[in-house]
Amino acid sequence: MTAKTKVLAAPDHAHQSNPSRLLKIDGSTVTIDHTAAQKAFGSSDEDFINGLLLQLVNVGSHGKTLDDKGTAFVASIVKGIEPQDQIEAMLASQMAAVHMAT
């Protein structure tokens, strides 16, 4: 699965139905609210955030067509754990992936 990533420097709530969402999937384009993602994943590293969110897209979509709702759910699980750094964000992502697999 290939997805294009667009990173927003500041929150762009104009096109989102729910402003608290970390990302929005439109076809094969994943738009990331980078400011919200920094807070949610305990990191300001753009490469880490992009990589983590693209992996969450894969988990939330179960390897099929990109699934906006499934991906939002998985990202919400990680956000709810409130990781404080990249290691905690990766552990939270694993927890979300295991939950989705069961």
Protein backbone atom coordinates (compact mmCIF):
# COMPACT_ATOMS: atom_id res chain seq x y z
CA MET A 1 0.00 0.00 0.00
CA THR A 2 1.37 3.38 -0.95
CA ALA A 3 0.16 6.61 0.56
CA LYS A 4 1.18 10.18 -0.08
CA THR A 5 1.85 12.22 3.02
CA LYS A 6 1.13 15.91 3.41
CA VAL A 7 2.43 17.54 6.60
CA LEU A 8 0.67 20.62 7.93
CA ALA A 9 2.82 23.11 9.82
CA ALA A 10 -0.20 24.34 11.73
CA PRO A 11 -3.60 22.76 12.33
CA ASP A 12 -5.85 22.94 9.28
CA HIS A 13 -9.37 22.47 10.59
CA ALA A 14 -11.19 23.88 7.57
CA HIS A 15 -11.56 20.51 5.80
CA GLN A 16 -11.87 18.25 8.84
CA SER A 17 -15.18 17.10 10.23
CA ASN A 18 -13.61 16.74 13.68
CA PRO A 19 -10.86 19.31 14.48
CA SER A 20 -9.23 17.06 17.10
CA ARG A 21 -8.29 14.45 14.46
CA LEU A 22 -4.57 13.85 13.96
CA LEU A 23 -4.96 12.92 10.34
CA LYS A 24 -7.39 12.77 7.46
CA ILE A 25 -7.35 10.28 4.60
CA ASP A 26 -8.66 11.40 1.23
CA GLY A 27 -8.14 8.71 -1.38
CA SER A 28 -4.43 7.93 -1.25
CA THR A 29 -3.45 11.19 0.49
CA VAL A 30 -2.87 11.27 4.24
CA THR A 31 -2.99 14.79 5.71
CA ILE A 32 -1.33 15.09 9.11
CA ASP A 33 -2.06 17.81 11.67
CA HIS A 34 1.58 18.01 12.71
CA THR A 35 1.03 20.22 15.75
CA ALA A 36 -1.57 17.83 17.20
CA ALA A 37 0.61 14.83 16.33
CA GLN A 38 3.60 16.32 18.18
CA LYS A 39 1.52 16.58 21.33
CA ALA A 40 -0.17 13.20 20.89
CA PHE A 41 3.05 11.25 20.24
CA GLY A 42 5.44 13.04 22.59
CA SER A 43 7.87 13.98 19.80
CA SER A 44 8.63 16.93 17.56
CA ASP A 45 10.63 14.78 15.10
CA GLU A 46 8.79 15.11 11.78
CA ASP A 47 10.32 11.91 10.34
CA PHE A 48 9.24 9.90 13.38
CA ILE A 49 5.70 11.31 13.32
CA ASN A 50 5.30 10.68 9.58
CA GLY A 51 6.65 7.13 9.88
CA LEU A 52 4.53 6.29 12.91
CA LEU A 53 1.34 7.64 11.38
CA LEU A 54 1.91 5.80 8.10
CA GLN A 55 2.32 2.59 10.10
CA LEU A 56 -0.88 3.40 11.98
CA VAL A 57 -2.59 3.86 8.59
CA ASN A 58 -1.50 0.32 7.68
CA VAL A 59 -2.81 -1.08 10.97
CA GLY A 60 -6.07 0.85 10.79
CA SER A 61 -6.67 -0.15 7.19
CA HIS A 62 -5.88 -3.87 7.63
CA GLY A 63 -3.83 -3.79 4.41
CA LYS A 64 -6.80 -2.92 2.22
CA THR A 65 -7.98 0.39 0.85
CA LEU A 66 -7.02 3.23 3.18
CA ASP A 67 -9.60 3.38 5.97
CA ASP A 68 -10.08 6.82 7.54
CA LYS A 69 -12.21 5.65 10.47
CA GLY A 70 -10.07 2.62 11.31
CA THR A 71 -6.92 4.71 11.18
CA ALA A 72 -8.47 7.46 13.30
CA PHE A 73 -9.42 4.83 15.89
CA VAL A 74 -5.88 3.40 16.05
CA ALA A 75 -4.36 6.90 16.28
CA SER A 76 -6.84 7.73 19.04
CA ILE A 77 -5.72 4.69 21.05
CA VAL A 78 -2.10 5.87 20.89
CA LYS A 79 -3.12 9.45 21.69
CA GLY A 80 -5.14 8.26 24.70
CA ILE A 81 -2.11 6.50 26.20
CA GLU A 82 -0.39 9.91 26.21
CA PRO A 83 3.17 8.86 25.29
CA GLN A 84 5.88 11.19 26.55
CA ASP A 85 8.59 10.22 24.03
CA GLN A 86 9.20 8.17 20.90
CA ILE A 87 9.72 4.89 22.77
CA GLU A 88 6.41 5.24 24.59
CA ALA A 89 4.72 6.18 21.29
CA MET A 90 6.05 3.00 19.67
CA LEU A 91 4.89 0.89 22.62
CA ALA A 92 1.46 2.53 22.47
CA SER A 93 1.34 1.79 18.73
CA GLN A 94 2.13 -1.86 19.39
CA MET A 95 -0.68 -1.97 21.95
CA ALA A 96 -3.08 -0.51 19.38
CA ALA A 97 -1.91 -2.95 16.69
CA VAL A 98 -2.38 -5.95 19.00
CA HIS A 99 -5.85 -4.70 19.88
CA MET A 100 -6.76 -4.41 16.19
CA ALA A 101 -5.39 -7.89 15.47
CA THR A 102 -7.57 -9.57 18.09
